[in-house]
């Protein structure tokens, strides 16, 4: 009887230690994710400050030399490209990027702003590498942007995800007795621009999948 009780207490203690270990690992994982999120946001905010103060050296340190650039909007609103490439010094093309909201999804940092006087809304989607270098930027001017995340059916989406859009199903391969299975993928909206409807005119809408 005593042996059985001793084994039960020992087993309970072991289970408690394993549970604590898992809790500790989970806490460390969350801390690492939070640290990465804060770091990526800080990199992007430092870039905006450098751009607005015309700190060329800091800009060059943060941006990758082979930066991947994507733009959607009126050609006349390519302020960032003209500024960073020195394509034009005309006062007409000067533009101050003042972030009004910053949201981070892993390596992707979404920044939104609006110039009410000029009826211009903008969204930047920056990709920050693990070493703190920005490798990609997607610009959206006067565009309503929805950011979505693709999640396979085997994964459980976080509770703040919404509006599943579509999924794919297995289809037979032509001329073959076997079938190629495609893992169903669901698309969940995680962010929507909030200033695009404040420019006083209708704007196109786009979806960015991350």
N, C-alpha and C. Protein backbone atom coordinates (compact mmCIF):
# COMPACT_ATOMS: atom_id res chain seq x y z
N UNK A 1 0.83 -1.20 0.00
CA UNK A 1 0.00 0.00 0.00
C UNK A 1 0.87 1.25 0.00
N UNK A 2 1.89 1.24 0.84
CA UNK A 2 2.77 2.41 0.92
C UNK A 2 3.51 2.62 -0.40
N UNK A 3 3.90 1.50 -1.02
CA UNK A 3 4.61 1.61 -2.29
C UNK A 3 3.71 2.23 -3.35
N UNK A 4 2.46 1.82 -3.37
CA UNK A 4 1.52 2.37 -4.35
C UNK A 4 1.33 3.86 -4.13
N UNK A 5 1.19 4.28 -2.90
CA UNK A 5 1.04 5.70 -2.59
C UNK A 5 2.29 6.46 -2.98
N UNK A 6 3.44 5.93 -2.68
CA UNK A 6 4.72 6.57 -3.01
C UNK A 6 4.85 6.75 -4.52
N UNK A 7 4.47 5.67 -5.28
CA UNK A 7 4.56 5.75 -6.73
C UNK A 7 3.62 6.82 -7.27
N UNK A 8 2.45 6.92 -6.71
CA UNK A 8 1.47 7.92 -7.16
C UNK A 8 1.99 9.32 -6.90
N UNK A 9 2.57 9.55 -5.71
CA UNK A 9 3.11 10.87 -5.42
C UNK A 9 4.29 11.19 -6.32
N UNK A 10 5.14 10.19 -6.57
CA UNK A 10 6.31 10.40 -7.43
C UNK A 10 5.87 10.69 -8.86
N UNK A 11 4.86 9.95 -9.31
CA UNK A 11 4.34 10.15 -10.66
C UNK A 11 3.71 11.53 -10.79
N UNK A 12 2.99 11.96 -9.78
CA UNK A 12 2.36 13.29 -9.79
C UNK A 12 3.41 14.38 -9.83
N UNK A 13 4.50 14.19 -9.06
CA UNK A 13 5.58 15.17 -9.03
C UNK A 13 6.25 15.26 -10.39
N UNK A 14 6.46 14.12 -11.03
CA UNK A 14 7.09 14.10 -12.35
C UNK A 14 6.20 14.80 -13.37
N UNK A 15 4.90 14.52 -13.31
CA UNK A 15 3.96 15.16 -14.23
C UNK A 15 3.96 16.67 -14.03
N UNK A 16 4.03 17.10 -12.78
CA UNK A 16 4.05 18.53 -12.48
C UNK A 16 5.31 19.19 -13.03
N UNK A 17 6.46 18.47 -12.93
CA UNK A 17 7.72 19.01 -13.45
C UNK A 17 7.67 19.12 -14.97
N UNK A 18 7.10 18.11 -15.63
CA UNK A 18 6.96 18.15 -17.09
C UNK A 18 6.05 19.30 -17.50
N UNK A 19 4.95 19.47 -16.76
CA UNK A 19 4.02 20.57 -17.04
C UNK A 19 4.72 21.92 -16.91
N UNK A 20 5.49 22.09 -15.84
CA UNK A 20 6.22 23.34 -15.63
C UNK A 20 7.22 23.59 -16.75
N UNK A 21 7.84 22.50 -17.22
CA UNK A 21 8.81 22.62 -18.30
C UNK A 21 8.14 23.13 -19.57
N UNK A 22 6.94 22.57 -19.87
CA UNK A 22 6.21 23.00 -21.05
C UNK A 22 5.78 24.45 -20.92
N UNK A 23 5.33 24.83 -19.73
CA UNK A 23 4.93 26.22 -19.49
C UNK A 23 6.11 27.16 -19.68
N UNK A 24 7.28 26.74 -19.20
CA UNK A 24 8.49 27.55 -19.32
C UNK A 24 8.87 27.72 -20.80
N UNK A 25 8.80 26.61 -21.56
CA UNK A 25 9.13 26.68 -22.98
C UNK A 25 8.14 27.57 -23.72
N UNK A 26 6.86 27.46 -23.39
CA UNK A 26 5.84 28.29 -24.03
C UNK A 26 6.07 29.76 -23.72
N UNK A 27 6.42 30.06 -22.48
CA UNK A 27 6.68 31.45 -22.09
C UNK A 27 7.88 32.00 -22.85
N UNK A 28 8.94 31.17 -22.99
CA UNK A 28 10.12 31.59 -23.73
C UNK A 28 9.79 31.85 -25.19
N UNK A 29 8.94 30.97 -25.78
CA UNK A 29 8.56 31.15 -27.18
C UNK A 29 7.81 32.46 -27.37
N UNK A 30 6.87 32.74 -26.46
CA UNK A 30 6.11 33.99 -26.55
C UNK A 30 7.02 35.20 -26.37
N UNK A 31 7.97 35.10 -25.46
CA UNK A 31 8.92 36.19 -25.25
C UNK A 31 9.75 36.43 -26.50
N UNK A 32 10.18 35.35 -27.15
CA UNK A 32 10.99 35.48 -28.36
C UNK A 32 10.20 36.12 -29.49
N UNK A 33 8.92 35.71 -29.62
CA UNK A 33 8.07 36.29 -30.66
C UNK A 33 7.85 37.77 -30.39
N UNK A 34 7.59 38.12 -29.13
CA UNK A 34 7.38 39.52 -28.77
C UNK A 34 8.64 40.34 -29.02
N UNK A 35 9.79 39.77 -28.69
CA UNK A 35 11.05 40.46 -28.90
C UNK A 35 11.30 40.70 -30.39
N UNK A 36 11.00 39.69 -31.21
CA UNK A 36 11.18 39.83 -32.66
C UNK A 36 10.22 40.88 -33.22
N UNK A 37 8.97 40.86 -32.74
CA UNK A 37 7.98 41.83 -33.18
C UNK A 37 8.42 43.25 -32.86
N UNK A 38 8.87 43.48 -31.63
CA UNK A 38 9.33 44.80 -31.22
C UNK A 38 10.55 45.24 -32.03
N UNK A 39 11.45 44.29 -32.29
CA UNK A 39 12.66 44.62 -33.06
C UNK A 39 12.31 45.03 -34.47
N UNK A 40 11.43 44.28 -35.12
CA UNK A 40 11.05 44.59 -36.51
C UNK A 40 10.33 45.93 -36.60
N UNK A 41 9.46 46.20 -35.64
CA UNK A 41 8.77 47.50 -35.62
C UNK A 41 9.76 48.63 -35.44
N UNK A 42 10.72 48.44 -34.55
CA UNK A 42 11.71 49.48 -34.28
C UNK A 42 12.54 49.78 -35.51
N UNK A 43 12.92 48.73 -36.25
CA UNK A 43 13.70 48.92 -37.48
C UNK A 43 12.93 49.80 -38.47
N UNK A 44 11.66 49.50 -38.64
CA UNK A 44 10.84 50.25 -39.60
C UNK A 44 10.62 51.69 -39.15
N UNK A 45 10.38 51.89 -37.86
CA UNK A 45 10.16 53.25 -37.35
C UNK A 45 11.43 54.10 -37.46
N UNK A 46 12.58 53.47 -37.23
CA UNK A 46 13.85 54.18 -37.41
C UNK A 46 14.03 54.58 -38.87
N UNK A 47 13.59 53.72 -39.78
CA UNK A 47 13.68 54.05 -41.21
C UNK A 47 12.85 55.27 -41.54
N UNK A 48 11.62 55.33 -41.03
CA UNK A 48 10.77 56.49 -41.32
C UNK A 48 11.40 57.78 -40.78
N UNK A 49 11.95 57.68 -39.59
CA UNK A 49 12.61 58.87 -39.02
C UNK A 49 13.79 59.30 -39.88
N UNK A 50 14.55 58.33 -40.36
CA UNK A 50 15.71 58.64 -41.22
C UNK A 50 15.25 59.24 -42.54
N UNK A 51 14.15 58.73 -43.09
CA UNK A 51 13.64 59.26 -44.37
C UNK A 51 13.16 60.69 -44.20
N UNK A 52 12.41 60.96 -43.14
CA UNK A 52 11.86 62.30 -42.93
C UNK A 52 12.92 63.33 -42.56
N UNK A 53 14.03 62.86 -41.98
CA UNK A 53 15.12 63.79 -41.64
C UNK A 53 16.23 63.78 -42.69
N UNK A 54 15.99 63.01 -43.77
CA UNK A 54 16.95 62.90 -44.88
C UNK A 54 18.31 62.37 -44.39
N UNK A 55 18.26 61.39 -43.49
CA UNK A 55 19.47 60.74 -42.98
C UNK A 55 19.84 59.60 -43.93
N UNK A 56 20.57 59.93 -44.97
CA UNK A 56 20.88 58.97 -46.04
C UNK A 56 21.68 57.78 -45.53
N UNK A 57 22.63 58.02 -44.64
CA UNK A 57 23.48 56.94 -44.14
C UNK A 57 22.66 55.87 -43.42
N UNK A 58 21.74 56.30 -42.55
CA UNK A 58 20.92 55.34 -41.82
C UNK A 58 20.00 54.58 -42.77
N UNK A 59 19.45 55.28 -43.74
CA UNK A 59 18.58 54.63 -44.73
C UNK A 59 19.33 53.52 -45.45
N UNK A 60 20.57 53.80 -45.87
CA UNK A 60 21.37 52.81 -46.58
C UNK A 60 21.73 51.62 -45.68
N UNK A 61 21.88 51.87 -44.39
CA UNK A 61 22.21 50.79 -43.47
C UNK A 61 21.03 49.85 -43.24
N UNK A 62 19.83 50.38 -43.33
CA UNK A 62 18.63 49.59 -43.04
C UNK A 62 18.10 48.86 -44.27
N UNK A 63 18.18 49.51 -45.44
CA UNK A 63 17.63 48.91 -46.66
C UNK A 63 18.65 48.02 -47.35
N UNK A 64 18.20 46.86 -47.80
CA UNK A 64 19.07 45.96 -48.57
C UNK A 64 19.39 46.61 -49.91
N UNK A 65 20.61 46.44 -50.42
CA UNK A 65 20.98 47.05 -51.70
C UNK A 65 20.15 46.52 -52.87
N UNK A 66 19.64 45.29 -52.74
CA UNK A 66 18.78 44.70 -53.77
C UNK A 66 17.34 44.67 -53.31
N UNK A 67 16.89 45.74 -52.67
CA UNK A 67 15.53 45.83 -52.13
C UNK A 67 14.49 45.53 -53.20
N UNK A 68 13.57 44.62 -52.87
CA UNK A 68 12.46 44.31 -53.78
C UNK A 68 11.35 45.32 -53.55
N UNK A 69 10.94 45.98 -54.61
CA UNK A 69 10.00 47.09 -54.50
C UNK A 69 8.76 46.82 -55.34
N UNK A 70 7.59 47.02 -54.75
CA UNK A 70 6.32 46.84 -55.47
C UNK A 70 5.44 48.03 -55.15
N UNK A 71 4.83 48.60 -56.19
CA UNK A 71 4.03 49.82 -56.01
C UNK A 71 2.66 49.65 -56.65
N UNK A 72 1.61 50.12 -55.94
CA UNK A 72 0.27 50.17 -56.50
C UNK A 72 -0.36 51.51 -56.15
N UNK A 73 -0.74 52.27 -57.17
CA UNK A 73 -1.35 53.57 -56.93
C UNK A 73 -1.06 54.49 -58.11
N UNK A 74 -1.50 55.73 -58.02
CA UNK A 74 -1.23 56.69 -59.08
C UNK A 74 0.28 56.91 -59.25
N UNK A 75 0.80 56.89 -60.48
CA UNK A 75 2.24 57.08 -60.70
C UNK A 75 2.79 58.36 -60.06
N UNK A 76 1.95 59.38 -59.98
CA UNK A 76 2.39 60.66 -59.40
C UNK A 76 2.66 60.54 -57.91
N UNK A 77 2.26 59.43 -57.29
CA UNK A 77 2.44 59.26 -55.85
C UNK A 77 3.63 58.36 -55.49
N UNK A 78 4.55 58.20 -56.41
CA UNK A 78 5.74 57.40 -56.12
C UNK A 78 6.78 58.25 -55.38
N UNK A 79 6.36 58.81 -54.26
CA UNK A 79 7.22 59.71 -53.49
C UNK A 79 8.44 58.99 -52.92
N UNK A 80 8.22 57.79 -52.39
CA UNK A 80 9.31 57.06 -51.76
C UNK A 80 10.42 56.75 -52.76
N UNK A 81 10.05 56.28 -53.92
CA UNK A 81 11.05 55.93 -54.93
C UNK A 81 11.83 57.16 -55.38
N UNK A 82 11.12 58.26 -55.62
CA UNK A 82 11.80 59.48 -56.05
C UNK A 82 12.73 60.00 -54.96
N UNK A 83 12.30 59.84 -53.72
CA UNK A 83 13.10 60.34 -52.61
C UNK A 83 14.37 59.50 -52.42
N UNK A 84 14.22 58.17 -52.41
CA UNK A 84 15.36 57.30 -52.13
C UNK A 84 16.33 57.18 -53.31
N UNK A 85 15.81 57.36 -54.52
CA UNK A 85 16.68 57.27 -55.69
C UNK A 85 17.21 58.63 -56.13
N UNK A 86 16.67 59.70 -55.53
CA UNK A 86 17.11 61.03 -55.92
C UNK A 86 16.67 61.40 -57.32
N UNK A 87 15.56 60.78 -57.78
CA UNK A 87 15.10 61.00 -59.14
C UNK A 87 14.60 62.43 -59.36
N UNK A 88 14.14 63.06 -58.29
CA UNK A 88 13.63 64.42 -58.44
C UNK A 88 13.78 65.18 -57.13
N UNK A 89 14.21 66.43 -57.23
CA UNK A 89 14.33 67.29 -56.05
C UNK A 89 13.23 68.36 -56.05
N UNK A 90 12.29 68.23 -56.97
CA UNK A 90 11.18 69.17 -57.09
C UNK A 90 10.35 69.13 -55.81
N UNK A 91 10.00 70.30 -55.29
CA UNK A 91 9.20 70.38 -54.07
C UNK A 91 7.84 69.71 -54.22
N UNK A 92 7.37 69.59 -55.47
CA UNK A 92 6.07 68.98 -55.71
C UNK A 92 6.04 67.53 -55.26
N UNK A 93 7.20 66.87 -55.32
CA UNK A 93 7.26 65.45 -55.02
C UNK A 93 7.70 65.16 -53.58
N UNK A 94 7.87 66.21 -52.78
CA UNK A 94 8.23 65.98 -51.38
C UNK A 94 7.02 65.48 -50.61
N UNK A 95 7.27 64.52 -49.72
CA UNK A 95 6.17 63.91 -48.97
C UNK A 95 6.70 63.42 -47.64
N UNK A 96 6.03 63.78 -46.56
CA UNK A 96 6.42 63.33 -45.23
C UNK A 96 5.61 62.09 -44.87
N UNK A 97 6.32 61.01 -44.55
CA UNK A 97 5.66 59.76 -44.16
C UNK A 97 5.55 59.73 -42.63
N UNK A 98 4.35 60.01 -42.15
CA UNK A 98 4.09 59.99 -40.71
C UNK A 98 3.20 58.80 -40.38
N UNK A 99 3.77 57.73 -39.83
CA UNK A 99 2.98 56.53 -39.52
C UNK A 99 1.89 56.82 -38.49
N UNK A 100 0.67 56.41 -38.81
CA UNK A 100 -0.45 56.57 -37.88
C UNK A 100 -0.81 55.25 -37.21
N UNK A 101 -0.42 54.14 -37.82
CA UNK A 101 -0.63 52.82 -37.21
C UNK A 101 0.45 51.87 -37.68
N UNK A 102 0.90 51.01 -36.78
CA UNK A 102 1.94 50.02 -37.09
C UNK A 102 1.48 48.67 -36.54
N UNK A 103 1.45 47.68 -37.41
CA UNK A 103 1.05 46.32 -37.03
C UNK A 103 2.06 45.33 -37.58
N UNK A 104 2.43 44.35 -36.76
CA UNK A 104 3.45 43.39 -37.17
C UNK A 104 2.92 41.97 -37.17
N UNK A 105 3.24 41.25 -38.25
CA UNK A 105 2.94 39.82 -38.37
C UNK A 105 4.25 39.11 -38.70
N UNK A 106 4.97 38.70 -37.67
CA UNK A 106 6.26 38.05 -37.90
C UNK A 106 7.25 39.01 -38.53
N UNK A 107 7.74 38.66 -39.71
CA UNK A 107 8.73 39.48 -40.40
C UNK A 107 8.09 40.60 -41.21
N UNK A 108 6.76 40.63 -41.28
CA UNK A 108 6.05 41.66 -42.05
C UNK A 108 5.53 42.75 -41.13
N UNK A 109 5.88 43.99 -41.46
CA UNK A 109 5.42 45.14 -40.67
C UNK A 109 4.53 46.00 -41.57
N UNK A 110 3.28 46.16 -41.15
CA UNK A 110 2.30 46.96 -41.91
C UNK A 110 2.20 48.34 -41.29
N UNK A 111 2.43 49.37 -42.10
CA UNK A 111 2.37 50.76 -41.61
C UNK A 111 1.38 51.53 -42.47
N UNK A 112 0.55 52.32 -41.81
CA UNK A 112 -0.47 53.09 -42.53
C UNK A 112 -0.42 54.55 -42.13
N UNK A 113 -0.71 55.41 -43.11
CA UNK A 113 -0.73 56.84 -42.85
C UNK A 113 -1.67 57.55 -43.81
N UNK A 114 -1.89 58.83 -43.58
CA UNK A 114 -2.82 59.58 -44.42
C UNK A 114 -2.48 61.07 -44.39
N UNK A 115 -2.47 61.67 -45.57
CA UNK A 115 -2.30 63.12 -45.70
C UNK A 115 -3.66 63.68 -46.11
N UNK A 116 -4.42 64.16 -45.13
CA UNK A 116 -5.79 64.60 -45.40
C UNK A 116 -5.82 65.82 -46.32
N UNK A 117 -4.85 66.71 -46.18
CA UNK A 117 -4.84 67.92 -46.99
C UNK A 117 -4.69 67.61 -48.47
N UNK A 118 -3.92 66.57 -48.78
CA UNK A 118 -3.68 66.21 -50.18
C UNK A 118 -4.53 65.03 -50.61
N UNK A 119 -5.42 64.57 -49.73
CA UNK A 119 -6.31 63.43 -50.02
C UNK A 119 -5.52 62.22 -50.47
N UNK A 120 -4.49 61.88 -49.68
CA UNK A 120 -3.64 60.73 -49.99
C UNK A 120 -3.58 59.80 -48.79
N UNK A 121 -3.96 58.55 -48.98
CA UNK A 121 -3.76 57.53 -47.95
C UNK A 121 -2.71 56.56 -48.46
N UNK A 122 -1.94 55.98 -47.54
CA UNK A 122 -0.88 55.07 -47.98
C UNK A 122 -0.70 53.93 -46.98
N UNK A 123 -0.24 52.81 -47.50
CA UNK A 123 0.08 51.64 -46.69
C UNK A 123 1.40 51.07 -47.18
N UNK A 124 2.28 50.77 -46.26
CA UNK A 124 3.54 50.10 -46.59
C UNK A 124 3.57 48.73 -45.91
N UNK A 125 3.98 47.73 -46.65
CA UNK A 125 4.19 46.40 -46.08
C UNK A 125 5.68 46.09 -46.22
N UNK A 126 6.40 46.16 -45.10
CA UNK A 126 7.84 45.95 -45.09
C UNK A 126 8.17 44.52 -44.66
N UNK A 127 9.18 43.94 -45.27
CA UNK A 127 9.68 42.64 -44.84
C UNK A 127 11.06 42.82 -44.23
N UNK A 128 11.19 42.42 -42.96
CA UNK A 128 12.45 42.60 -42.22
C UNK A 128 13.11 41.24 -42.04
N UNK A 129 14.39 41.14 -42.40
CA UNK A 129 15.12 39.88 -42.25
C UNK A 129 15.53 39.68 -40.79
N UNK A 130 16.05 38.50 -40.48
CA UNK A 130 16.43 38.19 -39.11
C UNK A 130 17.58 39.05 -38.61
N UNK A 131 18.37 39.61 -39.53
CA UNK A 131 19.48 40.47 -39.13
C UNK A 131 19.11 41.95 -39.14
N UNK A 132 17.80 42.25 -39.22
CA UNK A 132 17.35 43.63 -39.11
C UNK A 132 17.47 44.45 -40.37
N UNK A 133 17.57 43.80 -41.52
CA UNK A 133 17.66 44.50 -42.80
C UNK A 133 16.32 44.37 -43.53
N UNK A 134 15.84 45.48 -44.10
CA UNK A 134 14.59 45.44 -44.86
C UNK A 134 14.89 44.97 -46.27
N UNK A 135 14.22 43.89 -46.67
CA UNK A 135 14.50 43.28 -47.97
C UNK A 135 13.39 43.50 -48.99
N UNK A 136 12.22 43.92 -48.52
CA UNK A 136 11.10 44.11 -49.45
C UNK A 136 10.15 45.17 -48.92
N UNK A 137 9.57 45.92 -49.84
CA UNK A 137 8.52 46.87 -49.48
C UNK A 137 7.44 46.85 -50.55
N UNK A 138 6.21 46.85 -50.10
CA UNK A 138 5.06 46.97 -51.00
C UNK A 138 4.33 48.25 -50.63
N UNK A 139 4.17 49.13 -51.61
CA UNK A 139 3.51 50.42 -51.38
C UNK A 139 2.10 50.41 -51.98
N UNK A 140 1.17 50.93 -51.21
CA UNK A 140 -0.21 51.05 -51.68
C UNK A 140 -0.66 52.49 -51.42
N UNK A 141 -0.94 53.24 -52.48
CA UNK A 141 -1.42 54.61 -52.34
C UNK A 141 -2.87 54.70 -52.82
N UNK A 142 -3.69 55.34 -51.98
CA UNK A 142 -5.12 55.46 -52.27
C UNK A 142 -5.69 54.11 -52.70
N UNK A 143 -5.39 53.11 -51.88
CA UNK A 143 -5.83 51.74 -52.14
C UNK A 143 -6.35 51.14 -50.83
N UNK A 144 -7.48 50.49 -50.90
CA UNK A 144 -8.02 49.79 -49.73
C UNK A 144 -7.36 48.41 -49.67
N UNK A 145 -6.58 48.17 -48.62
CA UNK A 145 -5.81 46.93 -48.53
C UNK A 145 -6.35 46.02 -47.43
N UNK A 146 -6.47 44.74 -47.76
CA UNK A 146 -6.82 43.71 -46.79
C UNK A 146 -5.67 42.71 -46.73
N UNK A 147 -5.15 42.47 -45.54
CA UNK A 147 -4.05 41.52 -45.36
C UNK A 147 -4.64 40.20 -44.87
N UNK A 148 -4.27 39.11 -45.52
CA UNK A 148 -4.76 37.80 -45.15
C UNK A 148 -3.60 36.87 -44.85
N UNK A 149 -3.89 35.83 -44.12
CA UNK A 149 -2.88 34.81 -43.82
C UNK A 149 -3.41 33.45 -44.23
N UNK A 150 -2.58 32.69 -44.94
CA UNK A 150 -2.95 31.36 -45.39
C UNK A 150 -2.65 30.34 -44.30
N UNK A 151 -3.63 29.52 -43.98
CA UNK A 151 -3.48 28.50 -42.94
C UNK A 151 -4.00 27.18 -43.49
N UNK A 152 -3.21 26.12 -43.39
CA UNK A 152 -3.65 24.81 -43.86
C UNK A 152 -4.73 24.27 -42.95
N UNK A 153 -5.53 23.34 -43.48
CA UNK A 153 -6.65 22.81 -42.71
C UNK A 153 -6.20 22.03 -41.49
N UNK A 154 -4.93 21.61 -41.48
CA UNK A 154 -4.42 20.86 -40.33
C UNK A 154 -4.06 21.76 -39.17
N UNK A 155 -3.99 23.09 -39.45
CA UNK A 155 -3.66 24.05 -38.41
C UNK A 155 -4.92 24.70 -37.89
N UNK A 156 -4.92 25.04 -36.61
CA UNK A 156 -6.05 25.73 -36.02
C UNK A 156 -5.78 27.22 -36.02
N UNK A 157 -6.58 28.00 -36.75
CA UNK A 157 -6.33 29.45 -36.82
C UNK A 157 -6.57 30.12 -35.48
N UNK A 158 -5.81 31.18 -35.17
CA UNK A 158 -6.04 31.93 -33.94
C UNK A 158 -7.45 32.49 -33.89
N UNK A 159 -7.94 32.75 -32.70
CA UNK A 159 -9.31 33.19 -32.52
C UNK A 159 -9.59 34.54 -33.14
N UNK A 160 -8.54 35.37 -33.38
CA UNK A 160 -8.77 36.70 -33.95
C UNK A 160 -8.81 36.66 -35.47
N UNK A 161 -8.64 35.47 -36.07
CA UNK A 161 -8.77 35.36 -37.52
C UNK A 161 -10.26 35.30 -37.85
N UNK A 162 -10.60 35.77 -39.05
CA UNK A 162 -12.00 35.77 -39.44
C UNK A 162 -12.15 35.52 -40.93
N UNK A 163 -13.36 35.25 -41.35
CA UNK A 163 -13.78 35.14 -42.75
C UNK A 163 -12.92 34.21 -43.58
N UNK A 164 -13.13 32.93 -43.41
CA UNK A 164 -12.48 31.94 -44.28
C UNK A 164 -12.97 32.13 -45.70
N UNK A 165 -12.05 32.11 -46.66
CA UNK A 165 -12.46 32.43 -48.01
C UNK A 165 -12.59 31.22 -48.91
N UNK A 166 -11.57 30.40 -48.99
CA UNK A 166 -11.65 29.31 -49.95
C UNK A 166 -10.73 28.19 -49.55
N UNK A 167 -10.96 27.03 -50.14
CA UNK A 167 -10.08 25.90 -49.92
C UNK A 167 -10.04 25.08 -51.18
N UNK A 168 -8.94 24.34 -51.36
CA UNK A 168 -8.80 23.51 -52.54
C UNK A 168 -9.05 22.07 -52.16
N UNK A 169 -9.43 21.25 -53.13
CA UNK A 169 -9.73 19.85 -52.87
C UNK A 169 -8.92 18.97 -53.79
N UNK A 170 -8.70 17.70 -53.40
CA UNK A 170 -7.91 16.79 -54.22
C UNK A 170 -8.53 16.62 -55.59
N UNK A 171 -7.68 16.51 -56.62
CA UNK A 171 -8.15 16.30 -57.97
C UNK A 171 -7.33 15.20 -58.62
N UNK A 172 -7.94 14.35 -59.40
CA UNK A 172 -7.22 13.24 -60.02
C UNK A 172 -6.28 13.74 -61.09
N UNK A 173 -5.12 13.07 -61.23
CA UNK A 173 -4.16 13.41 -62.27
C UNK A 173 -4.59 12.73 -63.55
N UNK A 174 -4.58 13.45 -64.66
CA UNK A 174 -5.00 12.89 -65.93
C UNK A 174 -4.00 11.85 -66.39
N UNK A 175 -4.51 10.74 -66.90
CA UNK A 175 -3.65 9.71 -67.44
C UNK A 175 -2.93 8.92 -66.39
N UNK A 176 -3.35 9.01 -65.14
CA UNK A 176 -2.67 8.30 -64.07
C UNK A 176 -3.70 7.69 -63.15
N UNK A 177 -3.39 6.52 -62.62
CA UNK A 177 -4.32 5.85 -61.73
C UNK A 177 -4.28 6.42 -60.33
N UNK A 178 -3.21 7.15 -60.00
CA UNK A 178 -3.07 7.72 -58.68
C UNK A 178 -3.63 9.13 -58.66
N UNK A 179 -3.91 9.63 -57.48
CA UNK A 179 -4.41 11.00 -57.35
C UNK A 179 -3.43 11.82 -56.54
N UNK A 180 -3.23 13.06 -56.97
CA UNK A 180 -2.34 13.97 -56.26
C UNK A 180 -3.17 14.80 -55.29
N UNK A 181 -2.95 14.60 -54.02
CA UNK A 181 -3.74 15.30 -53.01
C UNK A 181 -3.16 16.67 -52.73
N UNK A 182 -4.03 17.64 -52.64
CA UNK A 182 -3.64 19.01 -52.34
C UNK A 182 -4.19 19.36 -50.97
N UNK A 183 -3.31 19.80 -50.10
CA UNK A 183 -3.74 20.14 -48.75
C UNK A 183 -4.66 21.36 -48.78
N UNK A 184 -5.87 21.26 -48.25
CA UNK A 184 -6.78 22.41 -48.23
C UNK A 184 -6.17 23.59 -47.48
N UNK A 185 -6.31 24.77 -48.05
CA UNK A 185 -5.76 25.98 -47.44
C UNK A 185 -6.87 27.00 -47.26
N UNK A 186 -6.93 27.61 -46.09
CA UNK A 186 -7.95 28.61 -45.80
C UNK A 186 -7.28 29.98 -45.67
N UNK A 187 -7.99 30.98 -46.08
CA UNK A 187 -7.46 32.35 -46.07
C UNK A 187 -8.24 33.17 -45.05
N UNK A 188 -7.53 33.72 -44.07
CA UNK A 188 -8.18 34.48 -43.00
C UNK A 188 -7.72 35.94 -43.02
N UNK A 189 -8.67 36.84 -42.92
CA UNK A 189 -8.35 38.27 -42.88
C UNK A 189 -7.78 38.63 -41.50
N UNK A 190 -6.62 39.28 -41.49
CA UNK A 190 -5.98 39.64 -40.22
C UNK A 190 -5.81 41.16 -40.05
N UNK A 191 -5.99 41.91 -41.15
CA UNK A 191 -5.81 43.37 -41.05
C UNK A 191 -6.49 44.04 -42.23
N UNK A 192 -7.06 45.23 -42.00
CA UNK A 192 -7.66 46.03 -43.06
C UNK A 192 -7.27 47.49 -42.88
N UNK A 193 -7.00 48.15 -43.99
CA UNK A 193 -6.64 49.57 -43.92
C UNK A 193 -7.84 50.38 -43.43
N UNK A 194 -7.56 51.44 -42.69
CA UNK A 194 -8.65 52.22 -42.09
C UNK A 194 -8.69 53.67 -42.57
N UNK A 195 -7.69 54.09 -43.34
CA UNK A 195 -7.66 55.49 -43.78
C UNK A 195 -8.00 55.67 -45.26
N UNK A 196 -8.10 54.56 -45.99
CA UNK A 196 -8.34 54.66 -47.43
C UNK A 196 -9.71 55.25 -47.75
N UNK A 197 -10.65 55.15 -46.79
CA UNK A 197 -11.99 55.68 -47.02
C UNK A 197 -12.12 57.14 -46.56
N UNK A 198 -11.01 57.76 -46.24
CA UNK A 198 -11.04 59.14 -45.75
C UNK A 198 -10.45 60.14 -46.74
N UNK A 199 -10.18 59.70 -47.96
CA UNK A 199 -9.57 60.59 -48.95
C UNK A 199 -10.61 61.27 -49.82
N UNK A 200 -11.89 60.99 -49.54
CA UNK A 200 -12.96 61.69 -50.24
C UNK A 200 -13.26 61.19 -51.63
N UNK A 201 -12.80 59.99 -51.97
CA UNK A 201 -13.10 59.45 -53.28
C UNK A 201 -13.00 57.93 -53.23
N UNK A 202 -13.59 57.30 -54.25
CA UNK A 202 -13.57 55.84 -54.31
C UNK A 202 -12.17 55.35 -54.68
N UNK A 203 -11.72 54.28 -54.01
CA UNK A 203 -10.39 53.73 -54.26
C UNK A 203 -10.49 52.24 -54.55
N UNK A 204 -9.56 51.70 -55.31
CA UNK A 204 -9.57 50.25 -55.57
C UNK A 204 -9.18 49.45 -54.35
N UNK A 205 -9.52 48.18 -54.34
CA UNK A 205 -9.18 47.31 -53.22
C UNK A 205 -8.27 46.18 -53.66
N UNK A 206 -7.32 45.83 -52.80
CA UNK A 206 -6.40 44.73 -53.07
C UNK A 206 -6.27 43.86 -51.84
N UNK A 207 -5.80 42.63 -52.05
CA UNK A 207 -5.56 41.69 -50.96
C UNK A 207 -4.10 41.30 -50.97
N UNK A 208 -3.47 41.34 -49.80
CA UNK A 208 -2.08 40.90 -49.64
C UNK A 208 -2.07 39.67 -48.76
N UNK A 209 -1.59 38.56 -49.29
CA UNK A 209 -1.48 37.32 -48.53
C UNK A 209 -0.08 37.18 -47.96
N UNK A 210 0.03 36.92 -46.67
CA UNK A 210 1.34 36.78 -46.02
C UNK A 210 1.47 35.41 -45.38
